[in-house]
């Protein structure tokens, strides 16, 4: 699997989205490399991102 973004213009938006989700779950991410965070922290950020995407999708259905 490639890390290349399918829509390059979306990279900045996804980065902002990730930082927002991290802040909501109390994980202190910094710009660039974050290899010092735990798997638990990374999972909570990813989980929060998915939760927000599902909420946005459900709002769009109404």
N, C-alpha and C. Protein backbone atom coordinates (compact mmCIF):
# COMPACT_ATOMS: atom_id res chain seq x y z
N UNK A 1 0.85 -1.17 0.00
CA UNK A 1 0.00 0.00 0.00
C UNK A 1 0.89 1.24 0.00
N UNK A 2 0.53 2.22 -0.78
CA UNK A 2 1.32 3.43 -0.94
C UNK A 2 0.80 4.53 -0.03
N UNK A 3 1.72 5.36 0.50
CA UNK A 3 1.33 6.50 1.31
C UNK A 3 1.02 7.71 0.44
N UNK A 4 1.12 7.55 -0.87
CA UNK A 4 0.88 8.66 -1.78
C UNK A 4 -0.60 9.04 -1.74
N UNK A 5 -0.87 10.32 -1.55
CA UNK A 5 -2.24 10.81 -1.50
C UNK A 5 -2.84 10.81 -2.90
N UNK A 6 -4.05 10.27 -3.01
CA UNK A 6 -4.72 10.22 -4.30
C UNK A 6 -5.02 11.63 -4.81
N UNK A 7 -5.42 12.52 -3.93
CA UNK A 7 -5.70 13.91 -4.29
C UNK A 7 -4.72 14.78 -3.49
N UNK A 8 -3.63 15.19 -4.13
CA UNK A 8 -2.59 15.92 -3.40
C UNK A 8 -3.10 17.15 -2.65
N UNK A 9 -4.13 17.81 -3.16
CA UNK A 9 -4.67 18.99 -2.50
C UNK A 9 -5.30 18.64 -1.15
N UNK A 10 -5.64 17.40 -0.94
CA UNK A 10 -6.29 16.98 0.30
C UNK A 10 -5.29 16.78 1.44
N UNK A 11 -4.01 16.74 1.14
CA UNK A 11 -3.00 16.45 2.16
C UNK A 11 -3.07 17.42 3.34
N UNK A 12 -3.14 18.73 3.07
CA UNK A 12 -3.18 19.72 4.14
C UNK A 12 -4.46 19.59 4.96
N UNK A 13 -5.58 19.36 4.29
CA UNK A 13 -6.85 19.20 5.00
C UNK A 13 -6.81 17.98 5.91
N UNK A 14 -6.24 16.88 5.44
CA UNK A 14 -6.14 15.68 6.27
C UNK A 14 -5.22 15.89 7.45
N UNK A 15 -4.15 16.64 7.24
CA UNK A 15 -3.22 16.94 8.34
C UNK A 15 -3.93 17.76 9.43
N UNK A 16 -4.71 18.77 9.00
CA UNK A 16 -5.47 19.58 9.97
C UNK A 16 -6.50 18.71 10.69
N UNK A 17 -7.17 17.84 9.94
CA UNK A 17 -8.16 16.94 10.51
C UNK A 17 -7.53 16.03 11.57
N UNK A 18 -6.35 15.51 11.26
CA UNK A 18 -5.63 14.63 12.20
C UNK A 18 -5.26 15.38 13.47
N UNK A 19 -4.76 16.61 13.31
CA UNK A 19 -4.37 17.41 14.48
C UNK A 19 -5.59 17.74 15.34
N UNK A 20 -6.71 18.03 14.70
CA UNK A 20 -7.94 18.33 15.44
C UNK A 20 -8.40 17.10 16.23
N UNK A 21 -8.39 15.94 15.59
CA UNK A 21 -8.80 14.70 16.26
C UNK A 21 -7.86 14.38 17.41
N UNK A 22 -6.57 14.59 17.23
CA UNK A 22 -5.59 14.33 18.29
C UNK A 22 -5.85 15.23 19.48
N UNK A 23 -6.12 16.48 19.22
CA UNK A 23 -6.40 17.43 20.29
C UNK A 23 -7.65 17.02 21.06
N UNK A 24 -8.66 16.52 20.37
CA UNK A 24 -9.91 16.11 21.01
C UNK A 24 -9.73 14.93 21.94
N UNK A 25 -8.78 14.05 21.65
CA UNK A 25 -8.55 12.88 22.51
C UNK A 25 -7.35 13.07 23.44
N UNK A 26 -6.78 14.27 23.44
CA UNK A 26 -5.70 14.58 24.37
C UNK A 26 -4.33 14.05 23.99
N UNK A 27 -4.09 13.83 22.71
CA UNK A 27 -2.78 13.36 22.24
C UNK A 27 -2.05 14.55 21.65
N UNK A 28 -0.84 14.79 22.12
CA UNK A 28 -0.06 15.94 21.68
C UNK A 28 0.77 15.56 20.46
N UNK A 29 0.22 15.83 19.27
CA UNK A 29 0.95 15.58 18.03
C UNK A 29 1.69 16.84 17.64
N UNK A 30 2.82 16.64 16.99
CA UNK A 30 3.56 17.77 16.44
C UNK A 30 3.64 17.59 14.93
N UNK A 31 3.93 18.66 14.25
CA UNK A 31 4.06 18.59 12.81
C UNK A 31 5.28 17.74 12.46
N UNK A 32 5.13 16.85 11.51
CA UNK A 32 6.24 15.99 11.12
C UNK A 32 6.18 14.63 11.78
N UNK A 33 7.33 14.11 12.16
CA UNK A 33 7.46 12.76 12.71
C UNK A 33 6.88 12.66 14.12
N UNK A 34 6.05 11.66 14.36
CA UNK A 34 5.46 11.43 15.68
C UNK A 34 5.68 9.99 16.13
N UNK A 35 6.84 9.44 15.82
CA UNK A 35 7.14 8.06 16.17
C UNK A 35 7.30 7.82 17.65
N UNK A 36 7.26 8.87 18.45
CA UNK A 36 7.42 8.71 19.89
C UNK A 36 6.09 8.50 20.61
N UNK A 37 4.96 8.55 19.89
CA UNK A 37 3.69 8.31 20.57
C UNK A 37 3.44 6.80 20.63
N UNK A 38 2.61 6.40 21.58
CA UNK A 38 2.34 4.97 21.75
C UNK A 38 1.32 4.49 20.71
N UNK A 39 1.25 3.19 20.55
CA UNK A 39 0.25 2.60 19.65
C UNK A 39 -1.15 2.94 20.12
N UNK A 40 -1.35 2.96 21.42
CA UNK A 40 -2.64 3.31 22.00
C UNK A 40 -3.04 4.72 21.61
N UNK A 41 -2.09 5.66 21.70
CA UNK A 41 -2.37 7.05 21.34
C UNK A 41 -2.68 7.17 19.85
N UNK A 42 -1.88 6.52 19.03
CA UNK A 42 -2.10 6.56 17.58
C UNK A 42 -3.47 5.97 17.23
N UNK A 43 -3.83 4.88 17.90
CA UNK A 43 -5.13 4.26 17.66
C UNK A 43 -6.28 5.14 18.08
N UNK A 44 -6.10 5.88 19.18
CA UNK A 44 -7.18 6.74 19.62
C UNK A 44 -7.37 7.91 18.65
N UNK A 45 -6.28 8.41 18.06
CA UNK A 45 -6.39 9.48 17.06
C UNK A 45 -7.12 8.94 15.83
N UNK A 46 -6.69 7.79 15.34
CA UNK A 46 -7.34 7.19 14.17
C UNK A 46 -8.81 6.88 14.42
N UNK A 47 -9.10 6.37 15.61
CA UNK A 47 -10.48 6.06 15.96
C UNK A 47 -11.35 7.31 16.00
N UNK A 48 -10.80 8.39 16.52
CA UNK A 48 -11.53 9.66 16.58
C UNK A 48 -11.78 10.19 15.17
N UNK A 49 -10.80 10.03 14.29
CA UNK A 49 -10.97 10.48 12.91
C UNK A 49 -12.11 9.70 12.23
N UNK A 50 -12.14 8.38 12.43
CA UNK A 50 -13.19 7.56 11.83
C UNK A 50 -14.55 7.94 12.40
N UNK A 51 -14.60 8.15 13.70
CA UNK A 51 -15.86 8.54 14.35
C UNK A 51 -16.40 9.83 13.74
N UNK A 52 -15.52 10.82 13.56
CA UNK A 52 -15.94 12.10 12.99
C UNK A 52 -16.37 11.95 11.53
N UNK A 53 -15.69 11.09 10.77
CA UNK A 53 -16.08 10.86 9.38
C UNK A 53 -17.46 10.21 9.29
N UNK A 54 -17.73 9.26 10.17
CA UNK A 54 -19.04 8.60 10.19
C UNK A 54 -20.13 9.59 10.56
N UNK A 55 -19.86 10.44 11.56
CA UNK A 55 -20.84 11.45 11.96
C UNK A 55 -21.13 12.40 10.80
N UNK A 56 -20.10 12.82 10.09
CA UNK A 56 -20.30 13.73 8.96
C UNK A 56 -21.11 13.05 7.86
N UNK A 57 -20.84 11.79 7.61
CA UNK A 57 -21.58 11.04 6.60
C UNK A 57 -23.05 10.92 6.97
N UNK A 58 -23.30 10.59 8.24
CA UNK A 58 -24.67 10.43 8.70
C UNK A 58 -25.44 11.75 8.61
N UNK A 59 -24.79 12.85 8.93
CA UNK A 59 -25.43 14.17 8.80
C UNK A 59 -25.79 14.45 7.35
N UNK A 60 -24.93 14.01 6.44
CA UNK A 60 -25.18 14.20 5.01
C UNK A 60 -26.37 13.40 4.49
N UNK A 61 -26.72 12.33 5.18
CA UNK A 61 -27.84 11.50 4.75
C UNK A 61 -29.18 12.13 5.12
N UNK A 62 -29.16 13.01 6.10
CA UNK A 62 -30.42 13.61 6.58
C UNK A 62 -30.84 14.80 5.78
